[in-house]
Amino acid sequence: MQIPNDSLREFVTGLAKQHGVRYTTFDRVFDRVFRREVGWDDTERMIVALRRRNVIDGATMTTLMARYFAELAAKRTPLMK
Protein backbone atom coordinates (compact mmCIF):
# COMPACT_ATOMS: atom_id res chain seq x y z
CA MET A 1 0.00 0.00 0.00
CA GLN A 2 1.37 3.38 -1.02
CA ILE A 3 0.72 5.88 1.80
CA PRO A 4 0.82 9.53 0.74
CA ASN A 5 2.65 12.23 2.69
CA ASP A 6 -0.27 14.65 2.52
CA SER A 7 -4.06 14.63 2.09
CA LEU A 8 -4.23 11.84 4.65
CA ARG A 9 -7.85 12.60 5.59
CA GLU A 10 -8.95 11.89 2.01
CA PHE A 11 -6.73 8.81 1.77
CA VAL A 12 -8.12 7.32 5.00
CA THR A 13 -11.72 8.13 4.03
CA GLY A 14 -11.24 6.49 0.64
CA LEU A 15 -9.61 3.40 2.15
CA ALA A 16 -12.46 3.06 4.65
CA LYS A 17 -15.09 3.38 1.90
CA GLN A 18 -13.25 0.85 -0.26
CA HIS A 19 -13.40 -1.70 2.58
CA GLY A 20 -16.82 -0.73 3.96
CA VAL A 21 -15.39 0.40 7.30
CA ARG A 22 -17.15 2.93 9.51
CA TYR A 23 -16.57 4.15 13.05
CA THR A 24 -19.70 2.69 14.63
CA THR A 25 -21.65 3.00 17.86
CA PHE A 26 -19.90 -0.19 18.99
CA ASP A 27 -16.54 1.52 18.52
CA ARG A 28 -17.70 4.51 20.58
CA VAL A 29 -18.95 2.26 23.40
CA PHE A 30 -15.74 0.20 23.29
CA ASP A 31 -13.64 3.36 23.54
CA ARG A 32 -15.66 4.63 26.51
CA VAL A 33 -15.58 1.31 28.36
CA PHE A 34 -11.83 1.09 27.98
CA ARG A 35 -11.36 4.81 28.59
CA ARG A 36 -9.82 5.42 25.21
CA GLU A 37 -11.79 8.55 24.46
CA VAL A 38 -8.96 11.05 24.17
CA GLY A 39 -10.43 13.66 21.88
CA TRP A 40 -9.62 11.99 18.58
CA ASP A 41 -10.98 13.53 15.41
CA ASP A 42 -12.87 11.56 12.76
CA THR A 43 -9.74 10.70 10.78
CA GLU A 44 -7.92 9.32 13.82
CA ARG A 45 -10.99 7.28 14.77
CA MET A 46 -11.23 5.92 11.24
CA ILE A 47 -7.57 4.86 11.26
CA VAL A 48 -8.23 2.92 14.48
CA ALA A 49 -11.39 1.38 12.98
CA LEU A 50 -9.39 0.25 9.94
CA ARG A 51 -6.91 -1.44 12.26
CA ARG A 52 -9.61 -3.09 14.39
CA ARG A 53 -11.09 -4.63 11.26
CA ASN A 54 -7.68 -5.83 10.06
CA VAL A 55 -7.75 -3.70 6.91
CA ILE A 56 -4.34 -2.33 7.93
CA ASP A 57 -1.66 -3.73 10.20
CA GLY A 58 -0.12 -2.06 13.24
CA ALA A 59 2.86 -0.66 11.35
CA THR A 60 0.57 0.91 8.73
CA MET A 61 -1.63 2.38 11.47
CA THR A 62 1.45 3.94 13.09
CA THR A 63 2.61 5.37 9.77
CA LEU A 64 -0.83 6.80 8.99
CA MET A 65 -1.13 8.40 12.43
CA ALA A 66 2.39 9.85 12.30
CA ARG A 67 1.89 11.33 8.84
CA TYR A 68 -1.55 12.64 9.76
CA PHE A 69 -0.18 14.33 12.91
CA ALA A 70 2.70 15.81 10.89
CA GLU A 71 0.22 17.14 8.33
CA LEU A 72 -1.89 18.71 11.09
CA ALA A 73 1.18 20.25 12.73
CA ALA A 74 2.33 21.74 9.43
CA LYS A 75 -1.04 23.44 8.97
CA ARG A 76 -1.01 25.09 12.40
CA THR A 77 0.12 28.65 12.73
CA PRO A 78 2.91 28.99 15.28
CA LEU A 79 1.85 30.99 18.32
CA MET A 80 5.34 32.27 18.99
CA LYS A 81 8.17 32.98 16.60
C-alpha atoms as a PDB file:
ATOM      1  CA  MET A   1       0.000   0.000   0.000  1.00  0.00           C
ATOM      2  CA  GLN A   2       1.370   3.378  -1.016  1.00  0.00           C
ATOM      3  CA  ILE A   3       0.715   5.879   1.800  1.00  0.00           C
ATOM      4  CA  PRO A   4       0.819   9.532   0.742  1.00  0.00           C
ATOM      5  CA  ASN A   5       2.653  12.234   2.693  1.00  0.00           C
ATOM      6  CA  ASP A   6      -0.268  14.652   2.524  1.00  0.00           C
ATOM      7  CA  SER A   7      -4.056  14.631   2.090  1.00  0.00           C
ATOM      8  CA  LEU A   8      -4.227  11.838   4.655  1.00  0.00           C
ATOM      9  CA  ARG A   9      -7.849  12.602   5.588  1.00  0.00           C
ATOM     10  CA  GLU A  10      -8.952  11.894   2.005  1.00  0.00           C
ATOM     11  CA  PHE A  11      -6.732   8.810   1.772  1.00  0.00           C
ATOM     12  CA  VAL A  12      -8.121   7.322   4.997  1.00  0.00           C
ATOM     13  CA  THR A  13     -11.717   8.133   4.033  1.00  0.00           C
ATOM     14  CA  GLY A  14     -11.237   6.490   0.641  1.00  0.00           C
ATOM     15  CA  LEU A  15      -9.615   3.400   2.148  1.00  0.00           C
ATOM     16  CA  ALA A  16     -12.461   3.058   4.647  1.00  0.00           C
ATOM     17  CA  LYS A  17     -15.094   3.382   1.900  1.00  0.00           C
ATOM     18  CA  GLN A  18     -13.254   0.847  -0.262  1.00  0.00           C
ATOM     19  CA  HIS A  19     -13.403  -1.703   2.580  1.00  0.00           C
ATOM     20  CA  GLY A  20     -16.821  -0.733   3.960  1.00  0.00           C
ATOM     21  CA  VAL A  21     -15.392   0.401   7.303  1.00  0.00           C
ATOM     22  CA  ARG A  22     -17.147   2.931   9.512  1.00  0.00           C
ATOM     23  CA  TYR A  23     -16.571   4.154  13.053  1.00  0.00           C
ATOM     24  CA  THR A  24     -19.696   2.687  14.635  1.00  0.00           C
ATOM     25  CA  THR A  25     -21.649   3.002  17.856  1.00  0.00           C
ATOM     26  CA  PHE A  26     -19.904  -0.188  18.990  1.00  0.00           C
ATOM     27  CA  ASP A  27     -16.542   1.522  18.520  1.00  0.00           C
ATOM     28  CA  ARG A  28     -17.696   4.509  20.584  1.00  0.00           C
ATOM     29  CA  VAL A  29     -18.945   2.262  23.398  1.00  0.00           C
ATOM     30  CA  PHE A  30     -15.738   0.196  23.285  1.00  0.00           C
ATOM     31  CA  ASP A  31     -13.641   3.356  23.544  1.00  0.00           C
ATOM     32  CA  ARG A  32     -15.663   4.628  26.506  1.00  0.00           C
ATOM     33  CA  VAL A  33     -15.579   1.308  28.360  1.00  0.00           C
ATOM     34  CA  PHE A  34     -11.827   1.085  27.979  1.00  0.00           C
ATOM     35  CA  ARG A  35     -11.357   4.808  28.595  1.00  0.00           C
ATOM     36  CA  ARG A  36      -9.818   5.419  25.210  1.00  0.00           C
ATOM     37  CA  GLU A  37     -11.786   8.555  24.458  1.00  0.00           C
ATOM     38  CA  VAL A  38      -8.962  11.053  24.171  1.00  0.00           C
ATOM     39  CA  GLY A  39     -10.429  13.661  21.877  1.00  0.00           C
ATOM     40  CA  TRP A  40      -9.622  11.986  18.576  1.00  0.00           C
ATOM     41  CA  ASP A  41     -10.980  13.532  15.408  1.00  0.00           C
ATOM     42  CA  ASP A  42     -12.866  11.557  12.762  1.00  0.00           C
ATOM     43  CA  THR A  43      -9.737  10.697  10.780  1.00  0.00           C
ATOM     44  CA  GLU A  44      -7.917   9.322  13.818  1.00  0.00           C
ATOM     45  CA  ARG A  45     -10.987   7.282  14.770  1.00  0.00           C
ATOM     46  CA  MET A  46     -11.225   5.918  11.239  1.00  0.00           C
ATOM     47  CA  ILE A  47      -7.569   4.860  11.259  1.00  0.00           C
ATOM     48  CA  VAL A  48      -8.230   2.925  14.481  1.00  0.00           C
ATOM     49  CA  ALA A  49     -11.393   1.384  12.981  1.00  0.00           C
ATOM     50  CA  LEU A  50      -9.388   0.248   9.938  1.00  0.00           C
ATOM     51  CA  ARG A  51      -6.911  -1.442  12.258  1.00  0.00           C
ATOM     52  CA  ARG A  52      -9.612  -3.093  14.387  1.00  0.00           C
ATOM     53  CA  ARG A  53     -11.085  -4.632  11.259  1.00  0.00           C
ATOM     54  CA  ASN A  54      -7.676  -5.830  10.056  1.00  0.00           C
ATOM     55  CA  VAL A  55      -7.751  -3.700   6.913  1.00  0.00           C
ATOM     56  CA  ILE A  56      -4.344  -2.327   7.932  1.00  0.00           C
ATOM     57  CA  ASP A  57      -1.658  -3.734  10.201  1.00  0.00           C
ATOM     58  CA  GLY A  58      -0.118  -2.060  13.241  1.00  0.00           C
ATOM     59  CA  ALA A  59       2.857  -0.657  11.347  1.00  0.00           C
ATOM     60  CA  THR A  60       0.573   0.909   8.733  1.00  0.00           C
ATOM     61  CA  MET A  61      -1.626   2.383  11.466  1.00  0.00           C
ATOM     62  CA  THR A  62       1.447   3.935  13.090  1.00  0.00           C
ATOM     63  CA  THR A  63       2.614   5.372   9.771  1.00  0.00           C
ATOM     64  CA  LEU A  64      -0.826   6.796   8.990  1.00  0.00           C
ATOM     65  CA  MET A  65      -1.127   8.395  12.427  1.00  0.00           C
ATOM     66  CA  ALA A  66       2.388   9.845  12.296  1.00  0.00           C
ATOM     67  CA  ARG A  67       1.891  11.329   8.837  1.00  0.00           C
ATOM     68  CA  TYR A  68      -1.547  12.644   9.757  1.00  0.00           C
ATOM     69  CA  PHE A  69      -0.183  14.331  12.908  1.00  0.00           C
ATOM     70  CA  ALA A  70       2.696  15.809  10.887  1.00  0.00           C
ATOM     71  CA  GLU A  71       0.224  17.143   8.332  1.00  0.00           C
ATOM     72  CA  LEU A  72      -1.892  18.713  11.089  1.00  0.00           C
ATOM     73  CA  ALA A  73       1.182  20.253  12.734  1.00  0.00           C
ATOM     74  CA  ALA A  74       2.332  21.741   9.426  1.00  0.00           C
ATOM     75  CA  LYS A  75      -1.039  23.441   8.974  1.00  0.00           C
ATOM     76  CA  ARG A  76      -1.009  25.091  12.398  1.00  0.00           C
ATOM     77  CA  THR A  77       0.116  28.651  12.732  1.00  0.00           C
ATOM     78  CA  PRO A  78       2.905  28.987  15.282  1.00  0.00           C
ATOM     79  CA  LEU A  79       1.855  30.993  18.320  1.00  0.00           C
ATOM     80  CA  MET A  80       5.339  32.267  18.988  1.00  0.00           C
ATOM     81  CA  LYS A  81       8.169  32.981  16.602  1.00  0.00           C
END
